[in-house]
PDB file of N, CA and C in Angstrom:
ATOM      1  N   MET A   1     -42.983   3.946  13.424  1.00  0.00           N
ATOM      2  CA  MET A   1     -41.846   4.811  13.686  1.00  0.00           C
ATOM      3  C   MET A   1     -41.192   5.159  12.360  1.00  0.00           C
ATOM      4  N   GLY A   2     -40.886   6.438  12.163  1.00  0.00           N
ATOM      5  CA  GLY A   2     -40.231   6.891  10.947  1.00  0.00           C
ATOM      6  C   GLY A   2     -38.724   6.903  11.115  1.00  0.00           C
ATOM      7  N   GLU A   3     -38.084   7.689  10.282  1.00  0.00           N
ATOM      8  CA  GLU A   3     -36.634   7.807  10.350  1.00  0.00           C
ATOM      9  C   GLU A   3     -36.216   8.660  11.543  1.00  0.00           C
ATOM     10  N   THR A   4     -35.082   8.296  12.123  1.00  0.00           N
ATOM     11  CA  THR A   4     -34.498   9.079  13.202  1.00  0.00           C
ATOM     12  C   THR A   4     -33.203   9.686  12.696  1.00  0.00           C
ATOM     13  N   ILE A   5     -33.103  10.997  12.797  1.00  0.00           N
ATOM     14  CA  ILE A   5     -31.889  11.714  12.409  1.00  0.00           C
ATOM     15  C   ILE A   5     -31.250  12.244  13.683  1.00  0.00           C
ATOM     16  N   ALA A   6     -29.943  12.023  13.823  1.00  0.00           N
ATOM     17  CA  ALA A   6     -29.220  12.487  15.007  1.00  0.00           C
ATOM     18  C   ALA A   6     -28.149  13.486  14.596  1.00  0.00           C
ATOM     19  N   ARG A   7     -27.989  14.509  15.418  1.00  0.00           N
ATOM     20  CA  ARG A   7     -26.935  15.509  15.211  1.00  0.00           C
ATOM     21  C   ARG A   7     -25.872  15.252  16.275  1.00  0.00           C
ATOM     22  N   LEU A   8     -24.681  14.866  15.845  1.00  0.00           N
ATOM     23  CA  LEU A   8     -23.623  14.534  16.776  1.00  0.00           C
ATOM     24  C   LEU A   8     -22.273  14.794  16.146  1.00  0.00           C
ATOM     25  N   GLY A   9     -21.225  14.690  16.949  1.00  0.00           N
ATOM     26  CA  GLY A   9     -19.880  14.982  16.470  1.00  0.00           C
ATOM     27  C   GLY A   9     -19.006  13.748  16.414  1.00  0.00           C
ATOM     28  N   PHE A  10     -18.036  13.800  15.508  1.00  0.00           N
ATOM     29  CA  PHE A  10     -17.004  12.770  15.424  1.00  0.00           C
ATOM     30  C   PHE A  10     -15.657  13.469  15.480  1.00  0.00           C
ATOM     31  N   ARG A  11     -14.703  12.843  16.166  1.00  0.00           N
ATOM     32  CA  ARG A  11     -13.360  13.398  16.258  1.00  0.00           C
ATOM     33  C   ARG A  11     -12.339  12.276  16.363  1.00  0.00           C
ATOM     34  N   LYS A  12     -11.078  12.641  16.127  1.00  0.00           N
ATOM     35  CA  LYS A  12      -9.996  11.655  16.119  1.00  0.00           C
ATOM     36  C   LYS A  12      -9.702  11.121  17.519  1.00  0.00           C
ATOM     37  N   ASP A  13      -9.647  12.016  18.479  1.00  0.00           N
ATOM     38  CA  ASP A  13      -9.315  11.605  19.844  1.00  0.00           C
ATOM     39  C   ASP A  13     -10.099  12.465  20.831  1.00  0.00           C
ATOM     40  N   ARG A  14      -9.914  12.193  22.101  1.00  0.00           N
ATOM     41  CA  ARG A  14     -10.717  12.887  23.119  1.00  0.00           C
ATOM     42  C   ARG A  14     -10.494  14.392  23.133  1.00  0.00           C
ATOM     43  N   ASP A  15      -9.307  14.824  22.722  1.00  0.00           N
ATOM     44  CA  ASP A  15      -8.983  16.246  22.770  1.00  0.00           C
ATOM     45  C   ASP A  15      -9.236  16.964  21.449  1.00  0.00           C
ATOM     46  N   GLY A  16      -9.577  16.223  20.405  1.00  0.00           N
ATOM     47  CA  GLY A  16      -9.773  16.826  19.092  1.00  0.00           C
ATOM     48  C   GLY A  16     -11.063  17.620  18.988  1.00  0.00           C
ATOM     49  N   GLU A  17     -11.104  18.477  17.993  1.00  0.00           N
ATOM     50  CA  GLU A  17     -12.304  19.277  17.720  1.00  0.00           C
ATOM     51  C   GLU A  17     -13.261  18.432  16.882  1.00  0.00           C
ATOM     52  N   PRO A  18     -14.513  18.254  17.319  1.00  0.00           N
ATOM     53  CA  PRO A  18     -15.428  17.400  16.556  1.00  0.00           C
ATOM     54  C   PRO A  18     -15.972  18.084  15.304  1.00  0.00           C
ATOM     55  N   VAL A  19     -16.260  17.272  14.307  1.00  0.00           N
ATOM     56  CA  VAL A  19     -17.016  17.701  13.135  1.00  0.00           C
ATOM     57  C   VAL A  19     -18.455  17.277  13.393  1.00  0.00           C
ATOM     58  N   ILE A  20     -19.388  18.215  13.301  1.00  0.00           N
ATOM     59  CA  ILE A  20     -20.798  17.931  13.577  1.00  0.00           C
ATOM     60  C   ILE A  20     -21.467  17.408  12.310  1.00  0.00           C
ATOM     61  N   LEU A  21     -22.152  16.273  12.438  1.00  0.00           N
ATOM     62  CA  LEU A  21     -22.850  15.645  11.317  1.00  0.00           C
ATOM     63  C   LEU A  21     -24.293  15.358  11.708  1.00  0.00           C
ATOM     64  N   GLU A  22     -25.163  15.375  10.727  1.00  0.00           N
ATOM     65  CA  GLU A  22     -26.538  14.909  10.913  1.00  0.00           C
ATOM     66  C   GLU A  22     -26.650  13.591  10.169  1.00  0.00           C
ATOM     67  N   LEU A  23     -26.907  12.522  10.919  1.00  0.00           N
ATOM     68  CA  LEU A  23     -26.894  11.178  10.351  1.00  0.00           C
ATOM     69  C   LEU A  23     -28.205  10.450  10.605  1.00  0.00           C
ATOM     70  N   LEU A  24     -28.578   9.639   9.651  1.00  0.00           N
ATOM     71  CA  LEU A  24     -29.690   8.717   9.818  1.00  0.00           C
ATOM     72  C   LEU A  24     -29.254   7.650  10.810  1.00  0.00           C
ATOM     73  N   VAL A  25     -30.069   7.369  11.807  1.00  0.00           N
ATOM     74  CA  VAL A  25     -29.768   6.316  12.776  1.00  0.00           C
ATOM     75  C   VAL A  25     -30.223   4.990  12.179  1.00  0.00           C
ATOM     76  N   ASP A  26     -29.287   4.040  12.091  1.00  0.00           N
ATOM     77  CA  ASP A  26     -29.582   2.731  11.504  1.00  0.00           C
ATOM     78  C   ASP A  26     -29.159   1.647  12.489  1.00  0.00           C
ATOM     79  N   THR A  27     -30.108   1.165  13.296  1.00  0.00           N
ATOM     80  CA  THR A  27     -29.790   0.139  14.295  1.00  0.00           C
ATOM     81  C   THR A  27     -29.499  -1.209  13.649  1.00  0.00           C
ATOM     82  N   GLY A  28     -29.724  -1.337  12.356  1.00  0.00           N
ATOM     83  CA  GLY A  28     -29.376  -2.556  11.628  1.00  0.00           C
ATOM     84  C   GLY A  28     -27.950  -2.549  11.119  1.00  0.00           C
ATOM     85  N   SER A  29     -27.271  -1.423  11.241  1.00  0.00           N
ATOM     86  CA  SER A  29     -25.875  -1.303  10.822  1.00  0.00           C
ATOM     87  C   SER A  29     -24.992  -1.416  12.056  1.00  0.00           C
ATOM     88  N   THR A  30     -24.049  -2.336  12.028  1.00  0.00           N
ATOM     89  CA  THR A  30     -23.167  -2.520  13.177  1.00  0.00           C
ATOM     90  C   THR A  30     -22.364  -1.257  13.454  1.00  0.00           C
ATOM     91  N   TYR A  31     -21.748  -0.706  12.406  1.00  0.00           N
ATOM     92  CA  TYR A  31     -20.871   0.453  12.562  1.00  0.00           C
ATOM     93  C   TYR A  31     -21.467   1.697  11.914  1.00  0.00           C
ATOM     94  N   SER A  32     -20.927   2.847  12.269  1.00  0.00           N
ATOM     95  CA  SER A  32     -21.297   4.109  11.626  1.00  0.00           C
ATOM     96  C   SER A  32     -20.513   4.240  10.327  1.00  0.00           C
ATOM     97  N   TRP A  33     -21.210   4.643   9.280  1.00  0.00           N
ATOM     98  CA  TRP A  33     -20.602   4.861   7.973  1.00  0.00           C
ATOM     99  C   TRP A  33     -20.494   6.365   7.774  1.00  0.00           C
ATOM    100  N   ILE A  34     -19.252   6.846   7.670  1.00  0.00           N
ATOM    101  CA  ILE A  34     -18.972   8.275   7.554  1.00  0.00           C
ATOM    102  C   ILE A  34     -18.158   8.495   6.283  1.00  0.00           C
ATOM    103  N   ASP A  35     -18.475   9.565   5.568  1.00  0.00           N
ATOM    104  CA  ASP A  35     -17.762   9.901   4.340  1.00  0.00           C
ATOM    105  C   ASP A  35     -16.251   9.850   4.590  1.00  0.00           C
ATOM    106  N   ALA A  36     -15.540   9.088   3.763  1.00  0.00           N
ATOM    107  CA  ALA A  36     -14.096   8.914   3.925  1.00  0.00           C
ATOM    108  C   ALA A  36     -13.359  10.247   3.915  1.00  0.00           C
ATOM    109  N   ARG A  37     -13.852  11.224   3.153  1.00  0.00           N
ATOM    110  CA  ARG A  37     -13.194  12.540   3.102  1.00  0.00           C
ATOM    111  C   ARG A  37     -13.282  13.247   4.452  1.00  0.00           C
ATOM    112  N   VAL A  38     -14.388  13.087   5.153  1.00  0.00           N
ATOM    113  CA  VAL A  38     -14.545  13.682   6.485  1.00  0.00           C
ATOM    114  C   VAL A  38     -13.577  13.021   7.462  1.00  0.00           C
ATOM    115  N   LEU A  39     -13.514  11.695   7.433  1.00  0.00           N
ATOM    116  CA  LEU A  39     -12.618  10.978   8.344  1.00  0.00           C
ATOM    117  C   LEU A  39     -11.161  11.330   8.072  1.00  0.00           C
ATOM    118  N   LYS A  40     -10.805  11.432   6.791  1.00  0.00           N
ATOM    119  CA  LYS A  40      -9.432  11.807   6.435  1.00  0.00           C
ATOM    120  C   LYS A  40      -9.114  13.210   6.941  1.00  0.00           C
ATOM    121  N   ALA A  41     -10.046  14.149   6.773  1.00  0.00           N
ATOM    122  CA  ALA A  41      -9.838  15.524   7.243  1.00  0.00           C
ATOM    123  C   ALA A  41      -9.655  15.578   8.762  1.00  0.00           C
ATOM    124  N   LEU A  42     -10.284  14.657   9.477  1.00  0.00           N
ATOM    125  CA  LEU A  42     -10.139  14.584  10.931  1.00  0.00           C
ATOM    126  C   LEU A  42      -8.819  13.934  11.350  1.00  0.00           C
ATOM    127  N   GLY A  43      -8.127  13.311  10.398  1.00  0.00           N
ATOM    128  CA  GLY A  43      -6.876  12.626  10.713  1.00  0.00           C
ATOM    129  C   GLY A  43      -7.067  11.206  11.200  1.00  0.00           C
ATOM    130  N   ILE A  44      -8.251  10.655  10.994  1.00  0.00           N
ATOM    131  CA  ILE A  44      -8.522   9.273  11.401  1.00  0.00           C
ATOM    132  C   ILE A  44      -7.889   8.339  10.377  1.00  0.00           C
ATOM    133  N   THR A  45      -7.132   7.370  10.862  1.00  0.00           N
ATOM    134  CA  THR A  45      -6.402   6.479   9.964  1.00  0.00           C
ATOM    135  C   THR A  45      -7.183   5.202   9.687  1.00  0.00           C
ATOM    136  N   ARG A  46      -6.906   4.649   8.532  1.00  0.00           N
ATOM    137  CA  ARG A  46      -7.508   3.377   8.125  1.00  0.00           C
ATOM    138  C   ARG A  46      -6.738   2.266   8.837  1.00  0.00           C
ATOM    139  N   ALA A  47      -7.384   1.600   9.779  1.00  0.00           N
ATOM    140  CA  ALA A  47      -6.702   0.636  10.641  1.00  0.00           C
ATOM    141  C   ALA A  47      -6.855  -0.811  10.183  1.00  0.00           C
ATOM    142  N   ARG A  48      -7.976  -1.132   9.540  1.00  0.00           N
ATOM    143  CA  ARG A  48      -8.239  -2.515   9.144  1.00  0.00           C
ATOM    144  C   ARG A  48      -9.337  -2.532   8.088  1.00  0.00           C
ATOM    145  N   LYS A  49      -9.506  -3.681   7.454  1.00  0.00           N
ATOM    146  CA  LYS A  49     -10.558  -3.855   6.445  1.00  0.00           C
ATOM    147  C   LYS A  49     -11.596  -4.842   6.961  1.00  0.00           C
ATOM    148  N   ARG A  50     -12.844  -4.634   6.546  1.00  0.00           N
ATOM    149  CA  ARG A  50     -13.930  -5.562   6.882  1.00  0.00           C
ATOM    150  C   ARG A  50     -14.813  -5.732   5.658  1.00  0.00           C
ATOM    151  N   ARG A  51     -15.448  -6.892   5.592  1.00  0.00           N
ATOM    152  CA  ARG A  51     -16.403  -7.168   4.517  1.00  0.00           C
ATOM    153  C   ARG A  51     -17.806  -6.955   5.068  1.00  0.00           C
ATOM    154  N   PHE A  52     -18.669  -6.397   4.233  1.00  0.00           N
ATOM    155  CA  PHE A  52     -20.040  -6.083   4.627  1.00  0.00           C
ATOM    156  C   PHE A  52     -21.007  -6.546   3.557  1.00  0.00           C
ATOM    157  N   GLU A  53     -22.225  -6.838   3.982  1.00  0.00           N
ATOM    158  CA  GLU A  53     -23.321  -7.058   3.048  1.00  0.00           C
ATOM    159  C   GLU A  53     -24.325  -5.940   3.295  1.00  0.00           C
ATOM    160  N   THR A  54     -24.624  -5.183   2.247  1.00  0.00           N
ATOM    161  CA  THR A  54     -25.519  -4.034   2.380  1.00  0.00           C
ATOM    162  C   THR A  54     -26.970  -4.491   2.404  1.00  0.00           C
ATOM    163  N   ILE A  55     -27.848  -3.555   2.696  1.00  0.00           N
ATOM    164  CA  ILE A  55     -29.278  -3.843   2.754  1.00  0.00           C
ATOM    165  C   ILE A  55     -29.810  -4.328   1.402  1.00  0.00           C
ATOM    166  N   THR A  56     -29.123  -3.944   0.326  1.00  0.00           N
ATOM    167  CA  THR A  56     -29.538  -4.370  -1.019  1.00  0.00           C
ATOM    168  C   THR A  56     -28.904  -5.691  -1.430  1.00  0.00           C
ATOM    169  N   GLY A  57     -28.093  -6.279  -0.538  1.00  0.00           N
ATOM    170  CA  GLY A  57     -27.444  -7.548  -0.835  1.00  0.00           C
ATOM    171  C   GLY A  57     -26.077  -7.406  -1.491  1.00  0.00           C
ATOM    172  N   ARG A  58     -25.645  -6.183  -1.713  1.00  0.00           N
ATOM    173  CA  ARG A  58     -24.332  -5.938  -2.319  1.00  0.00           C
ATOM    174  C   ARG A  58     -23.252  -6.248  -1.284  1.00  0.00           C
ATOM    175  N   ARG A  59     -22.195  -6.918  -1.716  1.00  0.00           N
ATOM    176  CA  ARG A  59     -21.072  -7.232  -0.822  1.00  0.00           C
ATOM    177  C   ARG A  59     -19.915  -6.298  -1.139  1.00  0.00           C
ATOM    178  N   VAL A  60     -19.406  -5.654  -0.082  1.00  0.00           N
ATOM    179  CA  VAL A  60     -18.349  -4.663  -0.258  1.00  0.00           C
ATOM    180  C   VAL A  60     -17.290  -4.845   0.824  1.00  0.00           C
ATOM    181  N   THR A  61     -16.091  -4.383   0.525  1.00  0.00           N
ATOM    182  CA  THR A  61     -15.014  -4.332   1.508  1.00  0.00           C
ATOM    183  C   THR A  61     -14.704  -2.867   1.757  1.00  0.00           C
ATOM    184  N   ARG A  62     -14.631  -2.494   3.020  1.00  0.00           N
ATOM    185  CA  ARG A  62     -14.363  -1.102   3.381  1.00  0.00           C
ATOM    186  C   ARG A  62     -13.326  -1.057   4.500  1.00  0.00           C
ATOM    187  N   ASP A  63     -12.621   0.065   4.553  1.00  0.00           N
ATOM    188  CA  ASP A  63     -11.674   0.317   5.632  1.00  0.00           C
ATOM    189  C   ASP A  63     -12.418   0.770   6.876  1.00  0.00           C
ATOM    190  N   LEU A  64     -11.874   0.404   8.034  1.00  0.00           N
ATOM    191  CA  LEU A  64     -12.390   0.861   9.322  1.00  0.00           C
ATOM    192  C   LEU A  64     -11.314   1.652  10.037  1.00  0.00           C
ATOM    193  N   GLY A  65     -11.750   2.594  10.845  1.00  0.00           N
ATOM    194  CA  GLY A  65     -10.855   3.350  11.701  1.00  0.00           C
ATOM    195  C   GLY A  65     -11.489   3.512  13.069  1.00  0.00           C
ATOM    196  N   ASP A  66     -10.763   4.154  13.945  1.00  0.00           N
ATOM    197  CA  ASP A  66     -11.245   4.374  15.308  1.00  0.00           C
ATOM    198  C   ASP A  66     -11.414   5.866  15.545  1.00  0.00           C
ATOM    199  N   ALA A  67     -12.557   6.234  16.108  1.00  0.00           N
ATOM    200  CA  ALA A  67     -12.887   7.639  16.332  1.00  0.00           C
ATOM    201  C   ALA A  67     -13.589   7.783  17.674  1.00  0.00           C
ATOM    202  N   TYR A  68     -13.857   9.021  18.036  1.00  0.00           N
ATOM    203  CA  TYR A  68     -14.713   9.317  19.182  1.00  0.00           C
ATOM    204  C   TYR A  68     -15.988   9.943  18.652  1.00  0.00           C
ATOM    205  N   VAL A  69     -17.109   9.551  19.234  1.00  0.00           N
ATOM    206  CA  VAL A  69     -18.405  10.116  18.875  1.00  0.00           C
ATOM    207  C   VAL A  69     -18.902  10.923  20.068  1.00  0.00           C
ATOM    208  N   ASP A  70     -19.444  12.116  19.787  1.00  0.00           N
ATOM    209  CA  ASP A  70     -19.928  13.038  20.825  1.00  0.00           C
ATOM    210  C   ASP A  70     -21.426  13.229  20.675  1.00  0.00           C
ATOM    211  N   TYR A  71     -22.132  13.196  21.808  1.00  0.00           N
ATOM    212  CA  TYR A  71     -23.562  13.478  21.782  1.00  0.00           C
ATOM    213  C   TYR A  71     -23.948  14.155  23.087  1.00  0.00           C
ATOM    214  N   ARG A  72     -24.387  15.381  22.986  1.00  0.00           N
ATOM    215  CA  ARG A  72     -24.879  16.156  24.129  1.00  0.00           C
ATOM    216  C   ARG A  72     -23.940  16.125  25.342  1.00  0.00           C
ATOM    217  N   GLY A  73     -22.688  16.414  25.092  1.00  0.00           N
ATOM    218  CA  GLY A  73     -21.727  16.538  26.180  1.00  0.00           C
ATOM    219  C   GLY A  73     -21.042  15.256  26.607  1.00  0.00           C
ATOM    220  N   GLU A  74     -21.406  14.139  26.032  1.00  0.00           N
ATOM    221  CA  GLU A  74     -20.735  12.877  26.346  1.00  0.00           C
ATOM    222  C   GLU A  74     -20.034  12.369  25.102  1.00  0.00           C
ATOM    223  N   TYR A  75     -18.949  11.635  25.307  1.00  0.00           N
ATOM    224  CA  TYR A  75     -18.235  11.064  24.171  1.00  0.00           C
ATOM    225  C   TYR A  75     -17.834   9.630  24.488  1.00  0.00           C
ATOM    226  N   ALA A  76     -17.598   8.853  23.425  1.00  0.00           N
ATOM    227  CA  ALA A  76     -17.213   7.453  23.586  1.00  0.00           C
ATOM    228  C   ALA A  76     -16.435   7.011  22.352  1.00  0.00           C
ATOM    229  N   PRO A  77     -15.530   6.045  22.511  1.00  0.00           N
ATOM    230  CA  PRO A  77     -14.825   5.516  21.344  1.00  0.00           C
ATOM    231  C   PRO A  77     -15.755   4.626  20.523  1.00  0.00           C
ATOM    232  N   THR A  78     -15.525   4.610  19.217  1.00  0.00           N
ATOM    233  CA  THR A  78     -16.321   3.767  18.330  1.00  0.00           C
ATOM    234  C   THR A  78     -15.547   3.479  17.054  1.00  0.00           C
ATOM    235  N   ALA A  79     -15.909   2.412  16.388  1.00  0.00           N
ATOM    236  CA  ALA A  79     -15.347   2.100  15.071  1.00  0.00           C
ATOM    237  C   ALA A  79     -16.168   2.819  14.015  1.00  0.00           C
ATOM    238  N   VAL A  80     -15.495   3.293  12.963  1.00  0.00           N
ATOM    239  CA  VAL A  80     -16.176   3.978  11.863  1.00  0.00           C
ATOM    240  C   VAL A  80     -15.734   3.375  10.536  1.00  0.00           C
ATOM    241  N   VAL A  81     -16.676   3.303   9.597  1.00  0.00           N
ATOM    242  CA  VAL A  81     -16.403   2.806   8.252  1.00  0.00           C
ATOM    243  C   VAL A  81     -16.102   3.998   7.356  1.00  0.00           C
ATOM    244  N   PHE A  82     -15.058   3.882   6.544  1.00  0.00           N
ATOM    245  CA  PHE A  82     -14.716   4.900   5.552  1.00  0.00           C
ATOM    246  C   PHE A  82     -15.655   4.723   4.363  1.00  0.00           C
ATOM    247  N   ALA A  83     -16.744   5.482   4.350  1.00  0.00           N
ATOM    248  CA  ALA A  83     -17.775   5.345   3.322  1.00  0.00           C
ATOM    249  C   ALA A  83     -17.357   6.043   2.028  1.00  0.00           C
ATOM    250  N   THR A  84     -17.702   5.423   0.910  1.00  0.00           N
ATOM    251  CA  THR A  84     -17.464   6.017  -0.403  1.00  0.00           C
ATOM    252  C   THR A  84     -18.659   6.900  -0.763  1.00  0.00           C
ATOM    253  N   PRO A  85     -18.537   7.727  -1.811  1.00  0.00           N
ATOM    254  CA  PRO A  85     -19.685   8.549  -2.222  1.00  0.00           C
ATOM    255  C   PRO A  85     -20.931   7.720  -2.563  1.00  0.00           C
ATOM    256  N   ARG A  86     -20.747   6.480  -2.977  1.00  0.00           N
ATOM    257  CA  ARG A  86     -21.881   5.610  -3.314  1.00  0.00           C
ATOM    258  C   ARG A  86     -22.594   5.072  -2.064  1.00  0.00           C
ATOM    259  N   ASP A  87     -21.876   5.015  -0.953  1.00  0.00           N
ATOM    260  CA  ASP A  87     -22.438   4.503   0.300  1.00  0.00           C
ATOM    261  C   ASP A  87     -23.273   5.583   0.984  1.00  0.00           C
ATOM    262  N   GLY A  88     -24.203   5.167   1.807  1.00  0.00           N
ATOM    263  CA  GLY A  88     -24.927   6.114   2.645  1.00  0.00           C
ATOM    264  C   GLY A  88     -24.124   6.405   3.901  1.00  0.00           C
ATOM    265  N   GLN A  89     -24.446   7.502   4.569  1.00  0.00           N
ATOM    266  CA  GLN A  89     -23.852   7.816   5.863  1.00  0.00           C
ATOM    267  C   GLN A  89     -24.893   7.532   6.935  1.00  0.00           C
ATOM    268  N   VAL A  90     -24.528   6.708   7.921  1.00  0.00           N
ATOM    269  CA  VAL A  90     -25.462   6.351   8.985  1.00  0.00           C
ATOM    270  C   VAL A  90     -24.743   6.277  10.325  1.00  0.00           C
ATOM    271  N   LEU A  91     -25.515   6.451  11.382  1.00  0.00           N
ATOM    272  CA  LEU A  91     -25.041   6.219  12.739  1.00  0.00           C
ATOM    273  C   LEU A  91     -25.424   4.794  13.099  1.00  0.00           C
ATOM    274  N   GLY A  92     -24.425   3.965  13.375  1.00  0.00           N
ATOM    275  CA  GLY A  92     -24.665   2.554  13.633  1.00  0.00           C
ATOM    276  C   GLY A  92     -24.806   2.200  15.104  1.00  0.00           C
ATOM    277  N   LEU A  93     -25.115   0.938  15.329  1.00  0.00           N
ATOM    278  CA  LEU A  93     -25.407   0.427  16.665  1.00  0.00           C
ATOM    279  C   LEU A  93     -24.216   0.513  17.618  1.00  0.00           C
ATOM    280  N   HIS A  94     -23.004   0.267  17.131  1.00  0.00           N
ATOM    281  CA  HIS A  94     -21.825   0.312  17.996  1.00  0.00           C
ATOM    282  C   HIS A  94     -21.684   1.685  18.653  1.00  0.00           C
ATOM    283  N   ALA A  95     -21.853   2.746  17.877  1.00  0.00           N
ATOM    284  CA  ALA A  95     -21.761   4.104  18.434  1.00  0.00           C
ATOM    285  C   ALA A  95     -22.889   4.367  19.429  1.00  0.00           C
ATOM    286  N   LEU A  96     -24.100   3.941  19.073  1.00  0.00           N
ATOM    287  CA  LEU A  96     -25.238   4.136  19.982  1.00  0.00           C
ATOM    288  C   LEU A  96     -24.987   3.464  21.324  1.00  0.00           C
ATOM    289  N   GLU A  97     -24.576   2.208  21.274  1.00  0.00           N
ATOM    290  CA  GLU A  97     -24.371   1.464  22.519  1.00  0.00           C
ATOM    291  C   GLU A  97     -23.173   1.988  23.297  1.00  0.00           C
ATOM    292  N   SER A  98     -22.136   2.450  22.589  1.00  0.00           N
ATOM    293  CA  SER A  98     -20.984   3.033  23.283  1.00  0.00           C
ATOM    294  C   SER A  98     -21.385   4.263  24.086  1.00  0.00           C
ATOM    295  N   LEU A  99     -22.343   5.019  23.558  1.00  0.00           N
ATOM    296  CA  LEU A  99     -22.836   6.214  24.247  1.00  0.00           C
ATOM    297  C   LEU A  99     -23.967   5.915  25.229  1.00  0.00           C
ATOM    298  N   GLY A 100     -24.435   4.666  25.265  1.00  0.00           N
ATOM    299  CA  GLY A 100     -25.551   4.317  26.145  1.00  0.00           C
ATOM    300  C   GLY A 100     -26.868   4.873  25.649  1.00  0.00           C
ATOM    301  N   LEU A 101     -27.049   4.900  24.322  1.00  0.00           N
ATOM    302  CA  LEU A 101     -28.258   5.455  23.715  1.00  0.00           C
ATOM    303  C   LEU A 101     -29.093   4.369  23.058  1.00  0.00           C
ATOM    304  N   ALA A 102     -30.362   4.664  22.899  1.00  0.00           N
ATOM    305  CA  ALA A 102     -31.293   3.791  22.180  1.00  0.00           C
ATOM    306  C   ALA A 102     -32.297   4.680  21.460  1.00  0.00           C
ATOM    307  N   VAL A 103     -32.975   4.113  20.466  1.00  0.00           N
ATOM    308  CA  VAL A 103     -34.042   4.835  19.786  1.00  0.00           C
ATOM    309  C   VAL A 103     -35.342   4.536  20.515  1.00  0.00           C
ATOM    310  N   ASP A 104     -36.034   5.575  20.949  1.00  0.00           N
ATOM    311  CA  ASP A 104     -37.335   5.414  21.597  1.00  0.00           C
ATOM    312  C   ASP A 104     -38.350   5.061  20.512  1.00  0.00           C
ATOM    313  N   PRO A 105     -38.959   3.868  20.572  1.00  0.00           N
ATOM    314  CA  PRO A 105     -39.874   3.455  19.506  1.00  0.00           C
ATOM    315  C   PRO A 105     -41.140   4.305  19.420  1.00  0.00           C
ATOM    316  N   ALA A 106     -41.539   4.926  20.510  1.00  0.00           N
ATOM    317  CA  ALA A 106     -42.752   5.748  20.496  1.00  0.00           C
ATOM    318  C   ALA A 106     -42.515   7.100  19.830  1.00  0.00           C
ATOM    319  N   SER A 107     -41.387   7.731  20.162  1.00  0.00           N
ATOM    320  CA  SER A 107     -41.124   9.079  19.644  1.00  0.00           C
ATOM    321  C   SER A 107     -40.194   9.090  18.436  1.00  0.00           C
ATOM    322  N   GLY A 108     -39.412   8.013  18.274  1.00  0.00           N
ATOM    323  CA  GLY A 108     -38.425   7.984  17.201  1.00  0.00           C
ATOM    324  C   GLY A 108     -37.189   8.815  17.505  1.00  0.00           C
ATOM    325  N   ARG A 109     -37.040   9.244  18.752  1.00  0.00           N
ATOM    326  CA  ARG A 109     -35.889  10.059  19.145  1.00  0.00           C
ATOM    327  C   ARG A 109     -34.881   9.231  19.929  1.00  0.00           C
ATOM    328  N   LEU A 110     -33.641   9.732  19.966  1.00  0.00           N
ATOM    329  CA  LEU A 110     -32.629   9.083  20.790  1.00  0.00           C
ATOM    330  C   LEU A 110     -32.906   9.392  22.256  1.00  0.00           C
ATOM    331  N   ARG A 111     -32.650   8.403  23.100  1.00  0.00           N
ATOM    332  CA  ARG A 111     -32.794   8.596  24.546  1.00  0.00           C
ATOM    333  C   ARG A 111     -31.696   7.804  25.241  1.00  0.00           C
ATOM    334  N   ARG A 112     -31.404   8.200  26.436  1.00  0.00           N
ATOM    335  CA  ARG A 112     -30.422   7.467  27.249  1.00  0.00           C
ATOM    336  C   ARG A 112     -31.032   6.132  27.660  1.00  0.00           C
ATOM    337  N   SER A 113     -30.240   5.084  27.557  1.00  0.00           N
ATOM    338  CA  SER A 113     -30.692   3.778  28.040  1.00  0.00           C
ATOM    339  C   SER A 113     -30.650   3.802  29.561  1.00  0.00           C
ATOM    340  N   ARG A 114     -31.678   3.287  30.191  1.00  0.00           N
ATOM    341  CA  ARG A 114     -31.679   3.251  31.658  1.00  0.00           C
ATOM    342  C   ARG A 114     -30.604   2.311  32.161  1.00  0.00           C
ATOM    343  N   TYR A 115     -30.436   1.203  31.450  1.00  0.00           N
ATOM    344  CA  TYR A 115     -29.435   0.204  31.811  1.00  0.00           C
ATOM    345  C   TYR A 115     -28.816  -0.329  30.533  1.00  0.00           C
ATOM    346  N   LEU A 116     -27.564  -0.746  30.624  1.00  0.00           N
ATOM    347  CA  LEU A 116     -26.917  -1.444  29.522  1.00  0.00           C
ATOM    348  C   LEU A 116     -27.031  -2.936  29.787  1.00  0.00           C
ATOM    349  N   LEU A 117     -27.150  -3.711  28.737  1.00  0.00           N
ATOM    350  CA  LEU A 117     -27.260  -5.159  28.900  1.00  0.00           C
ATOM    351  C   LEU A 117     -25.938  -5.741  29.363  1.00  0.00           C
ATOM    352  N   ALA A 118     -25.999  -6.705  30.265  1.00  0.00           N
ATOM    353  CA  ALA A 118     -24.808  -7.358  30.791  1.00  0.00           C
ATOM    354  C   ALA A 118     -25.048  -8.854  30.852  1.00  0.00           C
ATOM    355  N   MET A 119     -23.994  -9.580  30.962  1.00  0.00           N
ATOM    356  CA  MET A 119     -24.080 -11.039  31.062  1.00  0.00           C
ATOM    357  C   MET A 119     -24.563 -11.415  32.442  1.00  0.00           C
TER     358      MET A 119
END
């Protein structure tokens, strides 16, 4: 399976106008990393800080905010990381699961999950 790129929107709240982004889907990333300038332009506020270890082993602290993610007519709340220019932009697992999506390993495309995992 190669890289999966998704085209979806992010917005401040349910009534806001989304900004459409094309992002690499990274199921190894807990949260979506979005350029801080985009999040600021949307009016998304920095709500808290979290520490992360990147794929290269670099340890960083970044601000998190709360946004809505849109995909093909559905939307869901998700946490977003305020990414710096040095960081990559990715769609993380929290957003995927909030929307009930998964990466199809055969096609490499996003698909609706038939069921969500429950206890």
